[in-house]
């Protein structure tokens, strides 16, 4: 099954998510039967595609060819940086005689470090302290989220997290930037007072591109 021309990927993803939530107790086989989708496609929508962020979904909506879900599912196994480039080159991947050779080419040429991997362990601790000191406990910055942010201080920072955890961190930053809770959390001015000027400059620059 591929995405049909004229039907955006975002619409398909939204349709699946709404259907899956309304039928959360049903098995993959039952979802497949009721949706009329192959079981392997249902598995991809349920377990692989949730990692895609807003920009990646927007890129997929602009796809020139019907999306081959097996290739997109393989793309979702890669890191954030590789995934974005692979989606930009989705047409090329789908037309390749052996797309996995192109996967290797992309991963071999992209050795960039994600900007958030350069943040110091102390940065995450101070962001958590900033939230705790102000007694913020408002979704998405509830106590569990604050505890997770604090744990990055000793759990390898951004680099040491799984792809789903990295996506969650980025979603928290996007919520912060949009002002869903209290804006200016991850790039608050108190970071400079704590001697984290370099981290402050890095995260402020990252926010401009977020």
Protein backbone atom coordinates (compact mmCIF):
# COMPACT_ATOMS: atom_id res chain seq x y z
CA UNK A 1 0.00 0.00 0.00
CA UNK A 2 1.22 3.49 -0.89
CA UNK A 3 -0.23 6.92 -0.30
CA UNK A 4 -2.67 7.72 -3.10
CA UNK A 5 -2.13 10.81 -5.23
CA UNK A 6 -4.17 13.72 -3.94
CA UNK A 7 -4.23 12.38 -0.39
CA UNK A 8 -1.66 13.95 1.90
CA UNK A 9 0.36 11.82 4.28
CA UNK A 10 -0.67 14.04 7.19
CA UNK A 11 -4.33 13.27 6.46
CA UNK A 12 -3.64 9.54 6.44
CA UNK A 13 -1.68 9.77 9.68
CA UNK A 14 -4.42 11.80 11.36
CA UNK A 15 -7.06 9.36 10.18
CA UNK A 16 -5.12 6.40 11.53
CA UNK A 17 -4.39 8.06 14.89
CA UNK A 18 -8.03 8.96 15.42
CA UNK A 19 -9.14 5.45 14.46
CA UNK A 20 -6.49 3.79 16.65
CA UNK A 21 -7.42 5.90 19.69
CA UNK A 22 -11.10 5.10 19.26
CA UNK A 23 -10.23 1.40 18.92
CA UNK A 24 -7.27 1.17 21.29
CA UNK A 25 -8.25 -2.25 22.59
CA UNK A 26 -8.22 -3.84 19.16
CA UNK A 27 -5.38 -5.92 17.79
CA UNK A 28 -3.29 -5.19 14.71
CA UNK A 29 -5.27 -7.84 12.85
CA UNK A 30 -8.57 -6.19 13.80
CA UNK A 31 -7.34 -2.70 12.90
CA UNK A 32 -6.09 -4.04 9.58
CA UNK A 33 -9.42 -5.67 8.82
CA UNK A 34 -11.54 -2.64 9.70
CA UNK A 35 -9.30 -0.11 7.97
CA UNK A 36 -8.83 -2.31 4.94
CA UNK A 37 -5.07 -1.81 5.22
CA UNK A 38 -2.39 -4.53 5.11
CA UNK A 39 -1.16 -5.55 8.56
CA UNK A 40 2.41 -4.43 7.84
CA UNK A 41 1.13 -0.92 7.02
CA UNK A 42 -0.88 -0.76 10.24
CA UNK A 43 2.27 -1.75 12.18
CA UNK A 44 4.22 1.06 10.50
CA UNK A 45 1.57 3.67 11.29
CA UNK A 46 1.29 2.47 14.88
CA UNK A 47 4.93 1.92 15.80
CA UNK A 48 7.23 3.64 13.29
CA UNK A 49 5.58 6.77 11.98
CA UNK A 50 4.87 8.43 15.38
CA UNK A 51 8.54 9.43 15.50
CA UNK A 52 8.07 11.82 12.55
CA UNK A 53 7.95 15.49 13.52
CA UNK A 54 5.90 18.33 12.03
CA UNK A 55 8.55 19.42 9.51
CA UNK A 56 9.08 15.86 8.31
CA UNK A 57 5.33 15.34 7.88
CA UNK A 58 5.15 18.63 5.96
CA UNK A 59 7.92 17.39 3.64
CA UNK A 60 6.03 14.13 3.11
CA UNK A 61 2.90 16.10 2.19
CA UNK A 62 4.94 17.60 -0.66
CA UNK A 63 6.06 14.21 -2.01
CA UNK A 64 5.99 14.06 -5.80
CA UNK A 65 5.32 10.32 -5.90
CA UNK A 66 2.98 8.08 -3.88
CA UNK A 67 4.84 7.25 -0.67
CA UNK A 68 6.17 3.72 -0.38
CA UNK A 69 5.52 2.93 3.27
CA UNK A 70 8.18 0.23 3.58
CA UNK A 71 10.87 2.72 2.57
CA UNK A 72 9.46 5.37 4.90
CA UNK A 73 9.39 2.79 7.68
CA UNK A 74 13.09 2.10 7.09
CA UNK A 75 13.82 5.84 7.18
CA UNK A 76 12.17 6.06 10.61
CA UNK A 77 14.85 3.78 12.04
CA UNK A 78 17.54 6.39 11.41
CA UNK A 79 18.55 9.37 13.54
CA UNK A 80 16.89 12.78 13.33
CA UNK A 81 19.57 14.29 11.06
CA UNK A 82 19.70 11.35 8.65
CA UNK A 83 15.92 11.00 8.61
CA UNK A 84 15.32 14.59 7.52
CA UNK A 85 17.74 14.30 4.60
CA UNK A 86 16.32 10.94 3.55
CA UNK A 87 12.80 12.38 3.45
CA UNK A 88 14.05 15.26 1.31
CA UNK A 89 15.44 12.64 -1.08
CA UNK A 90 12.44 10.29 -0.86
CA UNK A 91 11.73 10.41 -4.60
CA UNK A 92 15.33 9.48 -5.32
CA UNK A 93 15.18 6.65 -2.78
CA UNK A 94 11.96 5.26 -4.23
CA UNK A 95 13.34 5.31 -7.75
CA UNK A 96 16.68 3.75 -6.83
CA UNK A 97 17.38 0.19 -7.97
CA UNK A 98 18.72 -0.48 -4.48
CA UNK A 99 17.55 2.20 -2.00
CA UNK A 100 19.70 0.77 0.78
CA UNK A 101 22.84 1.77 -1.12
CA UNK A 102 21.53 5.34 -1.06
CA UNK A 103 20.75 4.99 2.66
CA UNK A 104 24.41 4.12 3.21
CA UNK A 105 25.55 7.04 1.06
CA UNK A 106 23.46 9.51 3.06
CA UNK A 107 24.58 8.18 6.46
CA UNK A 108 28.23 8.17 5.36
CA UNK A 109 28.11 11.79 4.20
CA UNK A 110 26.17 13.13 7.17
CA UNK A 111 28.40 13.03 10.21
CA UNK A 112 26.92 16.14 11.77
CA UNK A 113 26.39 16.34 15.50
CA UNK A 114 22.94 17.48 16.56
CA UNK A 115 23.30 20.95 18.14
CA UNK A 116 21.59 19.81 21.35
CA UNK A 117 24.32 17.21 21.87
CA UNK A 118 26.72 20.08 22.56
CA UNK A 119 24.78 21.29 25.59
CA UNK A 120 26.56 20.64 28.87
CA UNK A 121 25.09 18.23 31.47
CA UNK A 122 24.72 21.20 33.84
CA UNK A 123 22.43 22.92 31.32
CA UNK A 124 19.69 20.32 31.74
CA UNK A 125 19.97 20.48 35.54
CA UNK A 126 19.58 24.28 35.52
CA UNK A 127 16.56 24.13 33.21
CA UNK A 128 14.92 21.67 35.62
CA UNK A 129 15.84 23.92 38.57
CA UNK A 130 14.33 26.91 36.75
CA UNK A 131 11.02 25.02 36.43
CA UNK A 132 11.11 23.70 40.00
CA UNK A 133 11.98 27.08 41.54
CA UNK A 134 8.95 28.63 39.87
CA UNK A 135 6.71 25.73 40.95
CA UNK A 136 5.70 25.07 37.36
CA UNK A 137 3.57 21.95 37.04
CA UNK A 138 1.57 22.65 33.92
CA UNK A 139 1.34 20.40 30.85
CA UNK A 140 3.50 19.69 29.04
CA UNK A 141 5.88 20.76 31.83
CA UNK A 142 4.47 18.56 34.57
CA UNK A 143 6.60 17.05 37.33
CA UNK A 144 7.42 13.88 35.39
CA UNK A 145 8.69 15.95 32.46
CA UNK A 146 10.79 18.09 34.80
CA UNK A 147 12.26 14.96 36.38
CA UNK A 148 13.16 13.64 32.95
CA UNK A 149 14.85 16.92 32.00
CA UNK A 150 16.85 16.82 35.25
CA UNK A 151 17.93 13.22 34.56
CA UNK A 152 19.65 14.31 31.35
CA UNK A 153 22.30 15.78 33.65
CA UNK A 154 23.60 12.26 34.38
CA UNK A 155 22.07 10.22 31.55
CA UNK A 156 24.22 11.41 28.67
CA UNK A 157 22.35 14.58 27.76
CA UNK A 158 20.49 14.71 24.45
CA UNK A 159 22.87 12.26 22.79
CA UNK A 160 22.21 9.52 25.34
CA UNK A 161 18.47 9.35 24.65
CA UNK A 162 16.46 7.15 22.30
CA UNK A 163 14.99 8.65 19.15
CA UNK A 164 11.53 8.80 20.72
CA UNK A 165 12.95 10.56 23.80
CA UNK A 166 14.80 13.03 21.57
CA UNK A 167 11.55 13.76 19.75
CA UNK A 168 9.84 14.32 23.11
CA UNK A 169 12.54 16.82 24.12
CA UNK A 170 12.14 18.66 20.81
CA UNK A 171 8.35 18.70 21.27
CA UNK A 172 8.82 20.26 24.72
CA UNK A 173 11.03 22.93 23.19
CA UNK A 174 8.46 23.62 20.48
CA UNK A 175 5.76 23.95 23.14
CA UNK A 176 8.03 26.33 25.04
CA UNK A 177 8.67 28.43 21.94
CA UNK A 178 4.95 28.61 21.15
CA UNK A 179 4.18 29.67 24.71
CA UNK A 180 1.96 26.70 25.61
CA UNK A 181 3.16 26.87 29.19
CA UNK A 182 5.51 29.68 30.18
CA UNK A 183 7.76 30.73 27.32
CA UNK A 184 11.53 31.05 27.58
CA UNK A 185 12.18 27.96 29.69
CA UNK A 186 14.96 26.29 27.75
CA UNK A 187 16.59 29.62 26.85
CA UNK A 188 15.95 31.54 30.06
CA UNK A 189 18.29 34.40 31.00
CA UNK A 190 19.20 32.82 34.33
CA UNK A 191 21.42 30.36 32.46
CA UNK A 192 23.94 33.17 32.00
CA UNK A 193 23.89 33.97 35.69
CA UNK A 194 24.72 30.31 36.36
CA UNK A 195 27.81 30.53 34.19
CA UNK A 196 26.24 28.74 31.23
CA UNK A 197 26.71 31.52 28.67
CA UNK A 198 27.86 29.09 25.98
CA UNK A 199 24.80 26.89 26.49
CA UNK A 200 22.53 29.94 26.43
CA UNK A 201 23.97 31.11 23.11
CA UNK A 202 23.71 27.63 21.60
CA UNK A 203 20.10 27.05 22.61
CA UNK A 204 19.07 30.58 21.57
CA UNK A 205 20.54 30.00 18.12
CA UNK A 206 18.84 26.59 17.92
CA UNK A 207 15.49 28.14 18.85
CA UNK A 208 15.75 30.45 15.82
CA UNK A 209 15.67 27.37 13.55
CA UNK A 210 13.20 25.30 15.57
